[in-house]
N, C-alpha and C. Protein backbone atom coordinates (compact mmCIF):
# COMPACT_ATOMS: atom_id res chain seq x y z
N UNK A 1 145.78 166.38 104.02
CA UNK A 1 144.15 166.02 103.17
C UNK A 1 144.67 164.85 102.57
N UNK A 2 145.93 164.72 101.82
CA UNK A 2 146.02 163.58 101.09
C UNK A 2 146.43 162.42 101.55
N UNK A 3 146.98 162.62 102.85
CA UNK A 3 147.17 161.66 103.47
C UNK A 3 145.91 160.21 104.39
N UNK A 4 145.06 161.82 104.72
CA UNK A 4 143.98 161.31 105.35
C UNK A 4 143.26 160.04 104.34
N UNK A 5 143.34 160.44 102.85
CA UNK A 5 142.53 160.17 101.56
C UNK A 5 143.30 158.73 101.02
N UNK A 6 144.46 158.62 101.41
CA UNK A 6 145.10 157.21 101.56
C UNK A 6 144.84 156.41 102.18
N UNK A 7 145.25 156.62 103.44
CA UNK A 7 144.67 156.03 105.02
C UNK A 7 143.33 155.44 104.77
N UNK A 8 142.52 156.43 104.29
CA UNK A 8 141.19 155.39 104.18
C UNK A 8 140.79 154.66 103.29
N UNK A 9 141.72 155.25 102.32
CA UNK A 9 141.29 154.34 100.77
C UNK A 9 141.79 153.15 101.36
N UNK A 10 143.16 152.84 102.26
CA UNK A 10 143.51 151.87 102.05
C UNK A 10 143.03 150.65 103.59
N UNK A 11 142.40 151.68 104.78
CA UNK A 11 141.66 150.68 105.27
C UNK A 11 140.49 150.43 104.41
N UNK A 12 140.10 150.80 103.26
CA UNK A 12 139.03 150.45 102.32
C UNK A 12 138.96 149.43 102.40
N UNK A 13 140.41 149.07 101.47
CA UNK A 13 140.85 148.10 100.82
C UNK A 13 140.88 146.76 101.70
N UNK A 14 141.49 146.74 102.83
CA UNK A 14 142.03 145.85 103.47
C UNK A 14 140.40 144.94 104.23
N UNK A 15 139.34 146.24 104.23
CA UNK A 15 138.04 145.72 105.05
C UNK A 15 137.57 144.94 103.93
N UNK A 16 137.64 145.60 102.57
CA UNK A 16 136.75 144.77 101.68
C UNK A 16 137.45 143.48 101.33
N UNK A 17 139.28 143.43 101.26
CA UNK A 17 139.46 142.08 101.34
C UNK A 17 139.54 141.14 102.56
N UNK A 18 139.61 141.38 103.71
CA UNK A 18 138.59 140.81 104.44
C UNK A 18 137.51 140.43 104.15
N UNK A 19 136.67 140.91 104.02
CA UNK A 19 135.10 140.61 103.93
C UNK A 19 135.12 139.27 102.65
N UNK A 20 136.01 139.74 101.62
CA UNK A 20 136.07 139.10 100.62
C UNK A 20 136.24 137.23 100.78
N UNK A 21 137.91 137.77 101.66
CA UNK A 21 138.27 136.18 102.08
C UNK A 21 137.18 135.43 103.07
N UNK A 22 136.75 135.89 103.91
CA UNK A 22 135.55 135.45 104.89
C UNK A 22 134.52 134.55 104.05
N UNK A 23 134.09 135.69 102.60
CA UNK A 23 133.16 135.28 101.75
C UNK A 23 133.69 133.48 101.08
N UNK A 24 134.56 134.19 100.57
CA UNK A 24 135.17 132.85 100.06
C UNK A 24 134.82 132.02 100.71
N UNK A 25 135.95 131.65 102.03
CA UNK A 25 135.22 130.70 102.97
C UNK A 25 134.07 129.83 103.11
N UNK A 26 133.07 131.12 103.61
CA UNK A 26 131.74 130.54 103.75
C UNK A 26 131.36 129.92 102.81
N UNK A 27 131.55 130.74 101.40
CA UNK A 27 130.92 129.61 100.11
C UNK A 27 131.37 128.38 99.54
N UNK A 28 132.58 127.99 100.13
CA UNK A 28 133.50 126.76 99.95
C UNK A 28 133.11 126.06 100.59
N UNK A 29 132.30 126.29 102.28
CA UNK A 29 131.80 125.52 103.14
C UNK A 29 130.39 125.38 102.66
N UNK A 30 129.76 126.32 102.33
CA UNK A 30 127.92 125.77 101.63
C UNK A 30 128.32 124.60 100.20
N UNK A 31 129.48 124.57 99.43
CA UNK A 31 129.50 123.70 98.44
C UNK A 31 129.90 122.52 99.03
N UNK A 32 130.75 122.56 100.27
CA UNK A 32 131.32 121.32 100.66
C UNK A 32 129.54 120.56 101.25
N UNK A 33 128.94 121.65 101.81
CA UNK A 33 127.75 120.82 102.40
C UNK A 33 126.71 120.32 101.61
N UNK A 34 126.38 121.14 100.25
CA UNK A 34 125.62 120.83 99.32
C UNK A 34 126.08 119.40 98.20
N UNK A 35 127.82 119.26 98.57
CA UNK A 35 127.51 117.98 97.93
C UNK A 35 127.89 116.98 98.84
N UNK A 36 127.49 117.27 100.06
CA UNK A 36 127.59 116.01 101.01
C UNK A 36 126.37 116.03 101.09
N UNK A 37 125.15 116.55 101.15
CA UNK A 37 123.61 116.70 100.67
C UNK A 37 122.83 116.14 99.51
N UNK A 38 123.59 116.12 98.28
CA UNK A 38 123.25 115.64 97.55
C UNK A 38 123.50 113.71 97.50
N UNK A 39 125.13 113.66 97.63
CA UNK A 39 125.33 112.32 98.01
C UNK A 39 124.84 111.60 99.03
N UNK A 40 123.87 112.50 100.08
CA UNK A 40 123.47 111.42 100.71
C UNK A 40 121.45 111.45 100.31
N UNK A 41 121.36 112.39 99.32
CA UNK A 41 119.95 112.16 98.51
C UNK A 41 120.15 111.03 97.75
N UNK A 42 121.74 110.98 96.84
CA UNK A 42 121.94 109.58 96.32
C UNK A 42 121.63 108.70 97.15
N UNK A 43 121.87 108.76 98.27
CA UNK A 43 121.83 107.27 98.82
C UNK A 43 120.52 106.73 99.32
N UNK A 44 119.95 107.93 99.78
CA UNK A 44 118.76 107.48 99.79
C UNK A 44 117.27 107.06 98.91
N UNK A 45 117.71 107.64 97.59
CA UNK A 45 117.10 107.21 96.60
C UNK A 45 117.48 106.09 95.82
N UNK A 46 118.39 105.55 96.17
CA UNK A 46 118.95 103.78 96.28
C UNK A 46 118.38 103.30 97.47
N UNK A 47 118.29 103.47 98.34
CA UNK A 47 117.10 102.69 99.41
C UNK A 47 116.34 103.19 99.25
N UNK A 48 115.28 103.48 98.62
CA UNK A 48 114.29 103.73 98.25
C UNK A 48 113.89 103.28 96.97
N UNK A 49 114.60 102.76 96.04
CA UNK A 49 114.46 101.71 94.97
C UNK A 49 114.62 100.79 95.68
N UNK A 50 115.71 99.85 96.67
CA UNK A 50 115.48 98.89 96.74
C UNK A 50 114.31 98.40 97.34
N UNK A 51 113.89 99.32 98.67
CA UNK A 51 112.34 99.73 99.10
C UNK A 51 111.54 98.88 98.28
N UNK A 52 111.73 99.90 97.31
CA UNK A 52 110.32 99.24 96.38
C UNK A 52 110.24 98.37 95.36
N UNK A 53 111.21 97.89 95.55
CA UNK A 53 111.82 96.55 94.54
C UNK A 53 110.96 95.69 95.54
N UNK A 54 111.77 95.22 96.96
CA UNK A 54 111.23 94.86 98.25
C UNK A 54 109.46 95.00 98.18
N UNK A 55 108.94 95.66 98.52
CA UNK A 55 107.33 96.00 98.19
C UNK A 55 107.14 95.41 97.36
N UNK A 56 107.51 95.19 95.96
CA UNK A 56 106.65 94.76 94.92
C UNK A 56 106.60 93.16 94.67
N UNK A 57 107.81 93.06 95.33
CA UNK A 57 108.33 91.16 95.20
C UNK A 57 107.39 90.75 96.55
N UNK A 58 107.26 91.37 98.31
CA UNK A 58 106.50 90.83 98.85
C UNK A 58 105.03 90.64 98.74
N UNK A 59 104.52 91.98 97.97
CA UNK A 59 103.36 92.06 97.33
C UNK A 59 102.60 90.94 96.16
N UNK A 60 103.32 90.17 95.30
CA UNK A 60 103.08 89.31 94.44
C UNK A 60 102.08 88.71 95.12
N UNK A 61 100.55 88.64 93.56
CA UNK A 61 99.31 88.25 93.99
C UNK A 61 99.58 86.59 94.10
N UNK A 62 100.19 85.87 93.75
CA UNK A 62 100.31 84.34 93.66
C UNK A 62 101.19 84.29 95.85
N UNK A 63 101.93 84.80 96.11
CA UNK A 63 102.53 84.85 97.35
C UNK A 63 101.29 85.10 98.89
N UNK A 64 100.38 86.17 98.17
CA UNK A 64 99.00 86.79 98.97
C UNK A 64 98.27 85.44 99.28
N UNK A 65 98.41 84.83 98.25
CA UNK A 65 97.23 84.32 98.15
C UNK A 65 97.81 83.08 98.53
N UNK A 66 98.70 82.35 98.79
CA UNK A 66 99.48 81.32 99.01
C UNK A 66 99.69 81.57 101.02
N UNK A 67 99.83 82.93 101.65
CA UNK A 67 99.93 83.05 102.18
C UNK A 67 98.27 83.28 103.11
N UNK A 68 97.61 83.41 102.02
CA UNK A 68 95.81 83.74 102.64
C UNK A 68 95.62 82.08 102.98
N UNK A 69 95.86 81.39 102.15
CA UNK A 69 95.91 79.84 102.47
C UNK A 69 96.13 79.01 103.57
N UNK A 70 97.59 79.78 103.83
CA UNK A 70 98.18 78.90 105.24
C UNK A 70 97.59 79.95 106.28
N UNK A 71 97.26 80.68 106.27
CA UNK A 71 96.38 81.08 107.39
C UNK A 71 95.21 81.62 107.50
N UNK A 72 94.19 80.26 106.71
CA UNK A 72 93.07 80.46 106.80
C UNK A 72 92.41 80.49 107.89
N UNK A 73 92.92 79.04 108.57
CA UNK A 73 92.69 78.93 109.89
C UNK A 73 92.81 80.18 111.09
N UNK A 74 93.77 81.03 111.52
CA UNK A 74 93.90 82.40 112.39
C UNK A 74 93.05 83.49 111.78
N UNK A 75 93.42 83.79 110.38
CA UNK A 75 92.50 84.78 109.59
C UNK A 75 91.28 84.93 108.95
N UNK A 76 90.99 83.72 108.76
CA UNK A 76 89.41 83.62 107.22
C UNK A 76 89.52 84.49 106.13
N UNK A 77 90.83 84.66 105.68
CA UNK A 77 90.82 85.48 104.90
C UNK A 77 90.59 84.34 102.94
N UNK A 78 89.54 84.84 102.35
CA UNK A 78 89.61 84.71 100.90
C UNK A 78 89.89 84.99 100.07
N UNK A 79 90.41 84.66 98.99
CA UNK A 79 90.93 84.90 97.78
C UNK A 79 89.78 85.97 96.96
N UNK A 80 90.19 87.10 96.15
CA UNK A 80 89.45 87.97 95.59
C UNK A 80 89.03 87.12 94.57
N UNK A 81 87.64 86.77 93.97
CA UNK A 81 87.41 86.20 93.05
C UNK A 81 86.55 87.49 91.90
N UNK A 82 86.76 86.93 90.74
CA UNK A 82 86.10 88.14 90.07
C UNK A 82 84.86 88.27 90.10
N UNK A 83 83.83 86.93 90.74
CA UNK A 83 82.14 86.79 91.11
C UNK A 83 82.22 87.61 92.02
N UNK A 84 82.98 87.91 92.84
CA UNK A 84 82.92 88.72 94.04
C UNK A 84 82.21 90.02 93.95
N UNK A 85 82.77 90.60 92.90
CA UNK A 85 82.50 92.53 92.59
C UNK A 85 81.54 92.15 91.75
N UNK A 86 80.35 93.69 91.78
CA UNK A 86 79.10 93.40 90.91
C UNK A 86 79.36 94.41 89.75
N UNK A 87 78.77 94.80 89.22
CA UNK A 87 78.22 95.11 87.75
C UNK A 87 77.44 97.02 88.40
N UNK A 88 77.37 97.66 87.23
CA UNK A 88 77.65 98.90 87.84
C UNK A 88 75.85 99.16 87.67
N UNK A 89 75.31 98.22 86.53
CA UNK A 89 74.19 98.28 86.72
C UNK A 89 73.03 97.24 87.39
N UNK A 90 73.67 96.99 88.56
CA UNK A 90 73.40 96.07 89.47
C UNK A 90 73.15 96.89 90.53
N UNK A 91 73.76 97.95 90.79
CA UNK A 91 73.55 99.09 92.19
C UNK A 91 72.22 99.82 91.75
N UNK A 92 71.50 100.04 92.65
CA UNK A 92 70.46 100.57 92.98
C UNK A 92 70.28 102.18 93.62
N UNK A 93 70.24 102.85 92.27
CA UNK A 93 70.03 103.99 92.79
C UNK A 93 68.77 104.55 92.90
N UNK A 94 68.99 105.58 94.39
CA UNK A 94 67.67 105.99 94.32
C UNK A 94 67.22 107.31 93.36
N UNK A 95 66.30 107.15 93.14
CA UNK A 95 65.43 108.25 91.97
C UNK A 95 65.26 109.52 92.17
N UNK A 96 64.51 109.37 93.51
CA UNK A 96 63.29 110.25 94.02
C UNK A 96 65.03 111.31 94.41
N UNK A 97 65.85 110.85 94.96
CA UNK A 97 66.79 111.75 95.15
C UNK A 97 67.64 112.31 93.71
N UNK A 98 67.47 112.04 93.00
CA UNK A 98 68.23 111.84 91.84
C UNK A 98 67.51 113.39 91.17
N UNK A 99 65.92 112.98 90.90
CA UNK A 99 65.66 114.06 90.10
C UNK A 99 65.47 115.53 91.19
N UNK A 100 65.54 115.44 92.57
CA UNK A 100 65.66 116.62 93.16
C UNK A 100 66.65 117.58 92.83
N UNK A 101 68.09 116.17 92.48
CA UNK A 101 68.75 117.36 92.29
C UNK A 101 69.55 118.08 90.99
N UNK A 102 68.54 117.15 90.19
CA UNK A 102 68.53 117.78 88.92
C UNK A 102 67.56 118.74 88.50
N UNK A 103 66.81 119.02 89.20
CA UNK A 103 65.47 120.09 88.92
C UNK A 103 66.12 121.21 88.94
N UNK A 104 67.11 121.68 89.38
CA UNK A 104 67.97 122.94 89.17
C UNK A 104 68.46 122.81 87.64
N UNK A 105 69.22 121.97 87.61
CA UNK A 105 70.31 121.50 86.40
C UNK A 105 69.24 121.77 85.42
N UNK A 106 68.23 120.99 85.15
CA UNK A 106 67.40 120.96 84.21
C UNK A 106 66.35 122.14 83.73
N UNK A 107 65.83 122.94 85.40
CA UNK A 107 65.52 124.21 84.79
C UNK A 107 66.18 125.54 83.89
N UNK A 108 67.57 125.29 84.75
CA UNK A 108 68.60 126.55 84.41
C UNK A 108 68.52 126.02 82.66
N UNK A 109 68.91 124.58 82.16
CA UNK A 109 68.72 124.62 80.71
C UNK A 109 67.96 124.59 80.34
N UNK A 110 66.71 124.63 80.86
CA UNK A 110 65.05 125.21 79.87
C UNK A 110 65.41 126.81 79.54
N UNK A 111 66.04 127.09 80.72
CA UNK A 111 66.43 128.59 80.63
C UNK A 111 67.30 129.47 79.68
N UNK A 112 68.43 128.47 79.33
CA UNK A 112 69.31 129.26 78.80
C UNK A 112 68.85 128.67 77.09
N UNK A 113 67.66 127.60 76.86
CA UNK A 113 67.32 127.11 75.55
C UNK A 113 66.62 128.26 75.14
N UNK A 114 65.44 128.28 76.09
CA UNK A 114 64.65 129.42 75.48
C UNK A 114 65.04 131.38 75.45
N UNK A 115 66.26 131.03 76.02
CA UNK A 115 67.31 132.42 76.00
C UNK A 115 67.95 132.37 74.85
N UNK A 116 68.36 130.96 73.91
CA UNK A 116 68.94 131.17 72.71
C UNK A 116 68.22 131.11 71.68
N UNK A 117 66.45 130.42 71.98
CA UNK A 117 65.64 130.90 70.70
C UNK A 117 65.27 132.25 70.78
N UNK A 118 65.22 132.95 71.61
CA UNK A 118 64.87 134.41 71.44
C UNK A 118 65.75 134.94 70.64
N UNK A 119 67.46 134.94 70.19
CA UNK A 119 67.98 135.41 70.10
C UNK A 119 68.45 135.37 68.48
N UNK A 120 67.53 134.38 67.95
CA UNK A 120 67.22 134.03 66.62
C UNK A 120 66.30 134.79 65.69
């Protein structure tokens, strides 16, 4: 019986050792892959920063204004001027639709006000 216990213990130890050996190499492979991915992410972030800087450089207002003037004949683009924008008080809102939408709100406010008056 002792011999069987020794042999089974030895087999169990060898099995666990083999499993640990394989797990160690799998872990090392995953850590190498993570390091590679992190370096790749760093390269991509640098590239993104470069592209954002180029985009900001190409979208300078004075450059766009100059391009609009150069290509006016083919595109017909005009530069934006502050006088082209309206003010909020110049917008005509439909009064009837606004009153219809506020009807339930004002009636519920009146109901809440009357309930508060009853509690005092």
